[in-house]
PDB file of N, CA and C in Angstrom:
ATOM      1  N   UNK A   1      10.151  31.012 -38.921  1.00  0.00           N
ATOM      2  CA  UNK A   1       9.640  30.084 -39.826  1.00  0.00           C
ATOM      3  C   UNK A   1       8.846  29.090 -39.088  1.00  0.00           C
ATOM      4  N   UNK A   2       7.899  28.728 -39.693  1.00  0.00           N
ATOM      5  CA  UNK A   2       6.903  27.591 -39.146  1.00  0.00           C
ATOM      6  C   UNK A   2       7.664  26.198 -39.561  1.00  0.00           C
ATOM      7  N   UNK A   3       7.274  25.462 -38.629  1.00  0.00           N
ATOM      8  CA  UNK A   3       7.691  23.960 -38.574  1.00  0.00           C
ATOM      9  C   UNK A   3       6.756  23.250 -39.588  1.00  0.00           C
ATOM     10  N   UNK A   4       7.152  22.232 -40.404  1.00  0.00           N
ATOM     11  CA  UNK A   4       6.159  21.365 -41.086  1.00  0.00           C
ATOM     12  C   UNK A   4       5.259  20.778 -40.206  1.00  0.00           C
ATOM     13  N   UNK A   5       4.016  20.485 -40.680  1.00  0.00           N
ATOM     14  CA  UNK A   5       3.037  19.876 -39.872  1.00  0.00           C
ATOM     15  C   UNK A   5       3.361  18.319 -39.744  1.00  0.00           C
ATOM     16  N   UNK A   6       2.868  17.680 -38.699  1.00  0.00           N
ATOM     17  CA  UNK A   6       3.121  16.347 -38.390  1.00  0.00           C
ATOM     18  C   UNK A   6       2.114  15.623 -39.332  1.00  0.00           C
ATOM     19  N   UNK A   7       2.491  14.462 -39.734  1.00  0.00           N
ATOM     20  CA  UNK A   7       1.650  13.549 -40.390  1.00  0.00           C
ATOM     21  C   UNK A   7       0.387  13.162 -39.500  1.00  0.00           C
ATOM     22  N   UNK A   8      -0.752  13.286 -40.155  1.00  0.00           N
ATOM     23  CA  UNK A   8      -1.947  12.994 -39.251  1.00  0.00           C
ATOM     24  C   UNK A   8      -1.858  11.399 -38.579  1.00  0.00           C
ATOM     25  N   UNK A   9      -1.241  10.610 -39.430  1.00  0.00           N
ATOM     26  CA  UNK A   9      -0.966   9.198 -38.967  1.00  0.00           C
ATOM     27  C   UNK A   9      -0.297   9.237 -37.568  1.00  0.00           C
ATOM     28  N   UNK A  10       0.687  10.060 -37.495  1.00  0.00           N
ATOM     29  CA  UNK A  10       1.542  10.074 -36.222  1.00  0.00           C
ATOM     30  C   UNK A  10       0.530  10.342 -35.101  1.00  0.00           C
ATOM     31  N   UNK A  11      -0.096  11.476 -35.236  1.00  0.00           N
ATOM     32  CA  UNK A  11      -0.952  12.008 -34.114  1.00  0.00           C
ATOM     33  C   UNK A  11      -2.069  10.976 -33.738  1.00  0.00           C
ATOM     34  N   UNK A  12      -2.733  10.321 -34.795  1.00  0.00           N
ATOM     35  CA  UNK A  12      -3.825   9.444 -34.537  1.00  0.00           C
ATOM     36  C   UNK A  12      -3.110   8.255 -33.787  1.00  0.00           C
ATOM     37  N   UNK A  13      -1.920   7.652 -34.352  1.00  0.00           N
ATOM     38  CA  UNK A  13      -1.247   6.622 -33.598  1.00  0.00           C
ATOM     39  C   UNK A  13      -1.104   6.821 -32.151  1.00  0.00           C
ATOM     40  N   UNK A  14      -0.565   8.013 -31.856  1.00  0.00           N
ATOM     41  CA  UNK A  14      -0.240   8.545 -30.503  1.00  0.00           C
ATOM     42  C   UNK A  14      -1.550   8.431 -29.574  1.00  0.00           C
ATOM     43  N   UNK A  15      -2.593   9.002 -30.108  1.00  0.00           N
ATOM     44  CA  UNK A  15      -3.803   9.154 -29.399  1.00  0.00           C
ATOM     45  C   UNK A  15      -4.594   7.828 -29.211  1.00  0.00           C
ATOM     46  N   UNK A  16      -4.273   6.801 -30.018  1.00  0.00           N
ATOM     47  CA  UNK A  16      -4.888   5.379 -30.118  1.00  0.00           C
ATOM     48  C   UNK A  16      -4.267   4.726 -28.958  1.00  0.00           C
ATOM     49  N   UNK A  17      -2.776   4.819 -29.094  1.00  0.00           N
ATOM     50  CA  UNK A  17      -1.935   4.150 -27.993  1.00  0.00           C
ATOM     51  C   UNK A  17      -2.193   4.546 -26.571  1.00  0.00           C
ATOM     52  N   UNK A  18      -2.335   5.925 -26.382  1.00  0.00           N
ATOM     53  CA  UNK A  18      -2.384   6.444 -24.938  1.00  0.00           C
ATOM     54  C   UNK A  18      -3.727   5.830 -24.339  1.00  0.00           C
ATOM     55  N   UNK A  19      -3.602   5.301 -23.109  1.00  0.00           N
ATOM     56  CA  UNK A  19      -4.832   4.846 -22.425  1.00  0.00           C
ATOM     57  C   UNK A  19      -5.635   6.083 -22.141  1.00  0.00           C
ATOM     58  N   UNK A  20      -6.966   5.869 -22.035  1.00  0.00           N
ATOM     59  CA  UNK A  20      -8.031   7.075 -21.746  1.00  0.00           C
ATOM     60  C   UNK A  20      -7.707   7.840 -20.492  1.00  0.00           C
ATOM     61  N   UNK A  21      -7.310   7.070 -19.403  1.00  0.00           N
ATOM     62  CA  UNK A  21      -7.062   7.841 -18.087  1.00  0.00           C
ATOM     63  C   UNK A  21      -5.960   8.870 -18.370  1.00  0.00           C
ATOM     64  N   UNK A  22      -4.941   8.703 -19.257  1.00  0.00           N
ATOM     65  CA  UNK A  22      -3.918   9.641 -19.412  1.00  0.00           C
ATOM     66  C   UNK A  22      -4.338  10.685 -20.464  1.00  0.00           C
ATOM     67  N   UNK A  23      -5.390  11.292 -20.330  1.00  0.00           N
ATOM     68  CA  UNK A  23      -5.739  12.366 -21.219  1.00  0.00           C
ATOM     69  C   UNK A  23      -5.182  13.656 -21.056  1.00  0.00           C
ATOM     70  N   UNK A  24      -4.245  13.841 -20.170  1.00  0.00           N
ATOM     71  CA  UNK A  24      -3.579  15.134 -19.907  1.00  0.00           C
ATOM     72  C   UNK A  24      -2.415  15.197 -21.058  1.00  0.00           C
ATOM     73  N   UNK A  25      -2.574  16.265 -21.750  1.00  0.00           N
ATOM     74  CA  UNK A  25      -1.809  16.361 -22.977  1.00  0.00           C
ATOM     75  C   UNK A  25      -0.274  16.597 -22.583  1.00  0.00           C
ATOM     76  N   UNK A  26      -0.024  17.188 -21.609  1.00  0.00           N
ATOM     77  CA  UNK A  26       1.292  17.472 -21.066  1.00  0.00           C
ATOM     78  C   UNK A  26       2.013  16.214 -20.551  1.00  0.00           C
ATOM     79  N   UNK A  27       1.220  15.427 -20.062  1.00  0.00           N
ATOM     80  CA  UNK A  27       1.795  13.942 -19.649  1.00  0.00           C
ATOM     81  C   UNK A  27       1.993  13.206 -20.883  1.00  0.00           C
ATOM     82  N   UNK A  28       1.070  13.362 -21.879  1.00  0.00           N
ATOM     83  CA  UNK A  28       1.421  12.585 -23.145  1.00  0.00           C
ATOM     84  C   UNK A  28       2.712  13.006 -23.733  1.00  0.00           C
ATOM     85  N   UNK A  29       2.863  14.357 -23.735  1.00  0.00           N
ATOM     86  CA  UNK A  29       4.042  14.880 -24.403  1.00  0.00           C
ATOM     87  C   UNK A  29       5.392  14.350 -23.754  1.00  0.00           C
ATOM     88  N   UNK A  30       5.356  14.262 -22.314  1.00  0.00           N
ATOM     89  CA  UNK A  30       6.496  13.727 -21.567  1.00  0.00           C
ATOM     90  C   UNK A  30       6.731  12.257 -22.043  1.00  0.00           C
ATOM     91  N   UNK A  31       5.601  11.558 -22.222  1.00  0.00           N
ATOM     92  CA  UNK A  31       5.935  10.113 -22.549  1.00  0.00           C
ATOM     93  C   UNK A  31       6.426  10.010 -24.042  1.00  0.00           C
ATOM     94  N   UNK A  32       6.280  10.866 -24.814  1.00  0.00           N
ATOM     95  CA  UNK A  32       6.829  10.905 -26.168  1.00  0.00           C
ATOM     96  C   UNK A  32       8.315  10.955 -26.048  1.00  0.00           C
ATOM     97  N   UNK A  33       8.995  11.651 -24.912  1.00  0.00           N
ATOM     98  CA  UNK A  33      10.267  11.588 -24.765  1.00  0.00           C
ATOM     99  C   UNK A  33      10.895  10.498 -23.914  1.00  0.00           C
ATOM    100  N   UNK A  34      10.085   9.839 -22.974  1.00  0.00           N
ATOM    101  CA  UNK A  34      10.384   8.881 -22.154  1.00  0.00           C
ATOM    102  C   UNK A  34      10.135   7.472 -22.520  1.00  0.00           C
ATOM    103  N   UNK A  35       8.998   7.158 -23.101  1.00  0.00           N
ATOM    104  CA  UNK A  35       8.494   5.896 -23.346  1.00  0.00           C
ATOM    105  C   UNK A  35       9.048   5.452 -24.538  1.00  0.00           C
ATOM    106  N   UNK A  36       9.834   4.203 -24.518  1.00  0.00           N
ATOM    107  CA  UNK A  36      10.585   3.662 -25.762  1.00  0.00           C
ATOM    108  C   UNK A  36       9.512   3.204 -26.645  1.00  0.00           C
ATOM    109  N   UNK A  37       8.199   2.596 -26.297  1.00  0.00           N
ATOM    110  CA  UNK A  37       7.187   2.183 -27.226  1.00  0.00           C
ATOM    111  C   UNK A  37       6.747   3.319 -28.064  1.00  0.00           C
ATOM    112  N   UNK A  38       6.389   4.357 -27.533  1.00  0.00           N
ATOM    113  CA  UNK A  38       5.861   5.666 -28.031  1.00  0.00           C
ATOM    114  C   UNK A  38       7.019   6.097 -28.998  1.00  0.00           C
ATOM    115  N   UNK A  39       8.262   6.078 -28.587  1.00  0.00           N
ATOM    116  CA  UNK A  39       9.246   6.807 -29.415  1.00  0.00           C
ATOM    117  C   UNK A  39       9.431   5.844 -30.780  1.00  0.00           C
ATOM    118  N   UNK A  40       9.264   4.512 -30.509  1.00  0.00           N
ATOM    119  CA  UNK A  40       9.323   3.539 -31.786  1.00  0.00           C
ATOM    120  C   UNK A  40       8.062   3.830 -32.584  1.00  0.00           C
ATOM    121  N   UNK A  41       6.827   3.968 -32.029  1.00  0.00           N
ATOM    122  CA  UNK A  41       5.642   4.030 -32.711  1.00  0.00           C
ATOM    123  C   UNK A  41       5.694   5.372 -33.662  1.00  0.00           C
ATOM    124  N   UNK A  42       6.199   6.254 -33.026  1.00  0.00           N
ATOM    125  CA  UNK A  42       6.302   7.620 -33.778  1.00  0.00           C
ATOM    126  C   UNK A  42       7.494   7.888 -34.488  1.00  0.00           C
ATOM    127  N   UNK A  43       8.318   6.993 -34.618  1.00  0.00           N
ATOM    128  CA  UNK A  43       9.567   7.161 -35.355  1.00  0.00           C
ATOM    129  C   UNK A  43      10.495   8.204 -34.982  1.00  0.00           C
ATOM    130  N   UNK A  44      10.472   8.338 -33.605  1.00  0.00           N
ATOM    131  CA  UNK A  44      11.327   9.402 -32.902  1.00  0.00           C
ATOM    132  C   UNK A  44      10.737  10.860 -32.762  1.00  0.00           C
ATOM    133  N   UNK A  45       9.572  10.970 -33.412  1.00  0.00           N
ATOM    134  CA  UNK A  45       9.046  12.318 -33.356  1.00  0.00           C
ATOM    135  C   UNK A  45       8.408  12.614 -31.989  1.00  0.00           C
ATOM    136  N   UNK A  46       8.335  13.869 -31.607  1.00  0.00           N
ATOM    137  CA  UNK A  46       7.942  14.176 -30.280  1.00  0.00           C
ATOM    138  C   UNK A  46       6.978  15.606 -30.421  1.00  0.00           C
ATOM    139  N   UNK A  47       5.803  15.345 -30.793  1.00  0.00           N
ATOM    140  CA  UNK A  47       4.768  16.488 -30.742  1.00  0.00           C
ATOM    141  C   UNK A  47       4.670  17.192 -29.587  1.00  0.00           C
ATOM    142  N   UNK A  48       4.323  18.472 -29.467  1.00  0.00           N
ATOM    143  CA  UNK A  48       4.044  19.116 -28.150  1.00  0.00           C
ATOM    144  C   UNK A  48       2.745  18.908 -27.747  1.00  0.00           C
ATOM    145  N   UNK A  49       2.329  19.310 -26.517  1.00  0.00           N
ATOM    146  CA  UNK A  49       1.170  18.975 -26.207  1.00  0.00           C
ATOM    147  C   UNK A  49      -0.051  19.828 -26.879  1.00  0.00           C
ATOM    148  N   UNK A  50       0.332  20.989 -27.321  1.00  0.00           N
ATOM    149  CA  UNK A  50      -0.518  21.747 -28.041  1.00  0.00           C
ATOM    150  C   UNK A  50      -0.912  21.129 -29.399  1.00  0.00           C
ATOM    151  N   UNK A  51       0.132  20.506 -30.051  1.00  0.00           N
ATOM    152  CA  UNK A  51      -0.244  19.826 -31.238  1.00  0.00           C
ATOM    153  C   UNK A  51      -1.104  18.521 -31.014  1.00  0.00           C
ATOM    154  N   UNK A  52      -0.928  17.864 -29.939  1.00  0.00           N
ATOM    155  CA  UNK A  52      -1.772  16.638 -29.523  1.00  0.00           C
ATOM    156  C   UNK A  52      -3.151  17.134 -29.365  1.00  0.00           C
ATOM    157  N   UNK A  53      -3.191  18.182 -28.492  1.00  0.00           N
ATOM    158  CA  UNK A  53      -4.584  18.614 -28.134  1.00  0.00           C
ATOM    159  C   UNK A  53      -5.303  19.092 -29.337  1.00  0.00           C
ATOM    160  N   UNK A  54      -4.480  19.877 -30.202  1.00  0.00           N
ATOM    161  CA  UNK A  54      -5.267  20.420 -31.415  1.00  0.00           C
ATOM    162  C   UNK A  54      -5.663  19.302 -32.351  1.00  0.00           C
ATOM    163  N   UNK A  55      -4.853  18.366 -32.567  1.00  0.00           N
ATOM    164  CA  UNK A  55      -5.209  17.304 -33.436  1.00  0.00           C
ATOM    165  C   UNK A  55      -6.565  16.609 -32.905  1.00  0.00           C
ATOM    166  N   UNK A  56      -6.513  16.273 -31.528  1.00  0.00           N
ATOM    167  CA  UNK A  56      -7.717  15.672 -31.006  1.00  0.00           C
ATOM    168  C   UNK A  56      -8.930  16.482 -31.125  1.00  0.00           C
ATOM    169  N   UNK A  57      -9.032  17.794 -31.024  1.00  0.00           N
ATOM    170  CA  UNK A  57     -10.194  18.607 -31.060  1.00  0.00           C
ATOM    171  C   UNK A  57     -10.563  18.902 -32.435  1.00  0.00           C
ATOM    172  N   UNK A  58      -9.452  18.953 -33.404  1.00  0.00           N
ATOM    173  CA  UNK A  58     -10.021  19.276 -34.780  1.00  0.00           C
ATOM    174  C   UNK A  58     -10.359  18.199 -35.701  1.00  0.00           C
ATOM    175  N   UNK A  59     -10.142  16.784 -35.176  1.00  0.00           N
ATOM    176  CA  UNK A  59     -10.405  15.708 -35.984  1.00  0.00           C
ATOM    177  C   UNK A  59     -11.261  14.667 -35.151  1.00  0.00           C
ATOM    178  N   UNK A  60     -12.418  14.959 -34.894  1.00  0.00           N
ATOM    179  CA  UNK A  60     -13.204  14.130 -34.196  1.00  0.00           C
ATOM    180  C   UNK A  60     -13.733  12.879 -35.262  1.00  0.00           C
ATOM    181  N   UNK A  61     -13.747  13.199 -36.474  1.00  0.00           N
ATOM    182  CA  UNK A  61     -14.225  12.403 -37.472  1.00  0.00           C
ATOM    183  C   UNK A  61     -13.334  11.456 -37.839  1.00  0.00           C
ATOM    184  N   UNK A  62     -11.986  11.600 -37.629  1.00  0.00           N
ATOM    185  CA  UNK A  62     -10.993  10.633 -37.672  1.00  0.00           C
ATOM    186  C   UNK A  62     -11.055   9.492 -36.777  1.00  0.00           C
ATOM    187  N   UNK A  63     -11.355   9.780 -35.640  1.00  0.00           N
ATOM    188  CA  UNK A  63     -11.627   8.842 -34.540  1.00  0.00           C
ATOM    189  C   UNK A  63     -12.859   8.009 -34.785  1.00  0.00           C
ATOM    190  N   UNK A  64     -13.743   8.675 -35.216  1.00  0.00           N
ATOM    191  CA  UNK A  64     -15.077   7.875 -35.410  1.00  0.00           C
ATOM    192  C   UNK A  64     -14.858   6.965 -36.639  1.00  0.00           C
ATOM    193  N   UNK A  65     -14.192   7.436 -37.673  1.00  0.00           N
ATOM    194  CA  UNK A  65     -14.015   6.573 -38.891  1.00  0.00           C
ATOM    195  C   UNK A  65     -13.015   5.353 -38.622  1.00  0.00           C
ATOM    196  N   UNK A  66     -12.107   5.738 -37.753  1.00  0.00           N
ATOM    197  CA  UNK A  66     -11.223   4.600 -37.354  1.00  0.00           C
ATOM    198  C   UNK A  66     -11.835   3.530 -36.588  1.00  0.00           C
ATOM    199  N   UNK A  67     -12.611   3.872 -35.602  1.00  0.00           N
ATOM    200  CA  UNK A  67     -13.302   2.972 -34.729  1.00  0.00           C
ATOM    201  C   UNK A  67     -14.535   2.100 -35.641  1.00  0.00           C
ATOM    202  N   UNK A  68     -15.115   2.968 -36.535  1.00  0.00           N
ATOM    203  CA  UNK A  68     -15.955   2.288 -37.328  1.00  0.00           C
ATOM    204  C   UNK A  68     -15.430   1.085 -38.110  1.00  0.00           C
ATOM    205  N   UNK A  69     -14.256   1.522 -38.815  1.00  0.00           N
ATOM    206  CA  UNK A  69     -13.538   0.651 -39.725  1.00  0.00           C
ATOM    207  C   UNK A  69     -13.101  -0.431 -38.934  1.00  0.00           C
ATOM    208  N   UNK A  70     -12.719  -0.350 -37.666  1.00  0.00           N
ATOM    209  CA  UNK A  70     -12.054  -1.373 -36.922  1.00  0.00           C
ATOM    210  C   UNK A  70     -13.221  -2.426 -36.523  1.00  0.00           C
ATOM    211  N   UNK A  71     -14.437  -1.893 -36.150  1.00  0.00           N
ATOM    212  CA  UNK A  71     -15.585  -2.674 -35.799  1.00  0.00           C
ATOM    213  C   UNK A  71     -16.023  -3.505 -37.091  1.00  0.00           C
ATOM    214  N   UNK A  72     -16.139  -2.807 -38.191  1.00  0.00           N
ATOM    215  CA  UNK A  72     -16.450  -3.566 -39.397  1.00  0.00           C
ATOM    216  C   UNK A  72     -15.531  -4.684 -39.695  1.00  0.00           C
ATOM    217  N   UNK A  73     -14.257  -4.487 -39.484  1.00  0.00           N
ATOM    218  CA  UNK A  73     -13.315  -5.420 -39.783  1.00  0.00           C
ATOM    219  C   UNK A  73     -13.449  -6.651 -38.742  1.00  0.00           C
ATOM    220  N   UNK A  74     -13.674  -6.315 -37.595  1.00  0.00           N
ATOM    221  CA  UNK A  74     -13.950  -7.436 -36.535  1.00  0.00           C
ATOM    222  C   UNK A  74     -15.232  -8.194 -37.012  1.00  0.00           C
ATOM    223  N   UNK A  75     -16.182  -7.527 -37.321  1.00  0.00           N
ATOM    224  CA  UNK A  75     -17.501  -8.261 -37.619  1.00  0.00           C
ATOM    225  C   UNK A  75     -17.341  -9.016 -38.944  1.00  0.00           C
ATOM    226  N   UNK A  76     -16.552  -8.529 -39.940  1.00  0.00           N
ATOM    227  CA  UNK A  76     -16.270  -9.299 -41.143  1.00  0.00           C
ATOM    228  C   UNK A  76     -15.443 -10.607 -40.886  1.00  0.00           C
ATOM    229  N   UNK A  77     -14.428 -10.492 -39.848  1.00  0.00           N
ATOM    230  CA  UNK A  77     -13.759 -11.513 -39.520  1.00  0.00           C
ATOM    231  C   UNK A  77     -14.610 -12.546 -38.726  1.00  0.00           C
ATOM    232  N   UNK A  78     -15.773 -12.312 -38.323  1.00  0.00           N
ATOM    233  CA  UNK A  78     -16.444 -13.074 -37.395  1.00  0.00           C
ATOM    234  C   UNK A  78     -15.979 -13.147 -35.859  1.00  0.00           C
ATOM    235  N   UNK A  79     -15.411 -12.058 -35.477  1.00  0.00           N
ATOM    236  CA  UNK A  79     -14.880 -12.003 -34.202  1.00  0.00           C
ATOM    237  C   UNK A  79     -15.856 -11.335 -33.143  1.00  0.00           C
ATOM    238  N   UNK A  80     -16.866 -10.733 -33.658  1.00  0.00           N
ATOM    239  CA  UNK A  80     -17.932 -10.232 -32.859  1.00  0.00           C
ATOM    240  C   UNK A  80     -19.232 -10.399 -33.325  1.00  0.00           C
ATOM    241  N   UNK A  81     -20.105 -10.325 -32.432  1.00  0.00           N
ATOM    242  CA  UNK A  81     -21.522 -10.696 -32.798  1.00  0.00           C
ATOM    243  C   UNK A  81     -22.363  -9.525 -33.050  1.00  0.00           C
ATOM    244  N   UNK A  82     -21.822  -8.329 -32.510  1.00  0.00           N
ATOM    245  CA  UNK A  82     -22.551  -7.101 -32.903  1.00  0.00           C
ATOM    246  C   UNK A  82     -23.743  -6.646 -31.865  1.00  0.00           C
ATOM    247  N   UNK A  83     -23.842  -7.355 -30.929  1.00  0.00           N
ATOM    248  CA  UNK A  83     -24.738  -7.016 -29.750  1.00  0.00           C
ATOM    249  C   UNK A  83     -24.262  -5.702 -29.092  1.00  0.00           C
ATOM    250  N   UNK A  84     -23.108  -5.994 -28.299  1.00  0.00           N
ATOM    251  CA  UNK A  84     -22.614  -5.007 -27.497  1.00  0.00           C
ATOM    252  C   UNK A  84     -20.887  -4.851 -27.947  1.00  0.00           C
ATOM    253  N   UNK A  85     -20.566  -3.658 -28.105  1.00  0.00           N
ATOM    254  CA  UNK A  85     -19.225  -3.430 -28.392  1.00  0.00           C
ATOM    255  C   UNK A  85     -18.547  -2.653 -27.453  1.00  0.00           C
ATOM    256  N   UNK A  86     -17.498  -2.909 -26.740  1.00  0.00           N
ATOM    257  CA  UNK A  86     -16.770  -2.163 -25.694  1.00  0.00           C
ATOM    258  C   UNK A  86     -15.283  -2.647 -25.963  1.00  0.00           C
ATOM    259  N   UNK A  87     -14.502  -1.530 -26.131  1.00  0.00           N
ATOM    260  CA  UNK A  87     -13.055  -1.673 -26.227  1.00  0.00           C
ATOM    261  C   UNK A  87     -12.299  -0.971 -25.235  1.00  0.00           C
ATOM    262  N   UNK A  88     -11.590  -1.691 -24.353  1.00  0.00           N
ATOM    263  CA  UNK A  88     -10.813  -0.961 -23.449  1.00  0.00           C
ATOM    264  C   UNK A  88     -11.480   0.000 -22.338  1.00  0.00           C
ATOM    265  N   UNK A  89     -12.843  -0.314 -22.141  1.00  0.00           N
ATOM    266  CA  UNK A  89     -13.612   0.524 -21.244  1.00  0.00           C
ATOM    267  C   UNK A  89     -13.605   2.078 -21.791  1.00  0.00           C
ATOM    268  N   UNK A  90     -13.289   2.420 -22.920  1.00  0.00           N
ATOM    269  CA  UNK A  90     -13.258   3.766 -23.273  1.00  0.00           C
ATOM    270  C   UNK A  90     -14.645   4.062 -23.851  1.00  0.00           C
ATOM    271  N   UNK A  91     -14.964   5.496 -23.596  1.00  0.00           N
ATOM    272  CA  UNK A  91     -16.406   5.747 -24.093  1.00  0.00           C
ATOM    273  C   UNK A  91     -16.265   6.880 -25.087  1.00  0.00           C
ATOM    274  N   UNK A  92     -17.005   6.721 -26.145  1.00  0.00           N
ATOM    275  CA  UNK A  92     -17.014   7.751 -27.132  1.00  0.00           C
ATOM    276  C   UNK A  92     -18.454   8.276 -27.495  1.00  0.00           C
ATOM    277  N   UNK A  93     -18.729   9.317 -27.735  1.00  0.00           N
ATOM    278  CA  UNK A  93     -19.880  10.067 -28.030  1.00  0.00           C
ATOM    279  C   UNK A  93     -20.211   9.781 -29.449  1.00  0.00           C
ATOM    280  N   UNK A  94     -21.475   9.423 -29.970  1.00  0.00           N
ATOM    281  CA  UNK A  94     -21.964   9.220 -31.035  1.00  0.00           C
ATOM    282  C   UNK A  94     -22.010  10.554 -31.955  1.00  0.00           C
TER     283      UNK A  94
END
């Protein structure tokens, strides 16, 4: 019997919280069991590394939309000028 799918908000939250240098999905899975901050953010859920990797590869538009919305919010609040935008030294393809 198949397990119910994780809410996409949970996977997106996890991947936004994890630093870019920790992109090994098995390491991320271990952090879901060990790191108290992640346990709290995910409400105790512990997705396996295949679930995390699958979500990331199947939903590139979710990340693009999230960052676009974030930048628009910062711009609307007057917190950025719009010339150069860099967040946490992460690189994302257009």
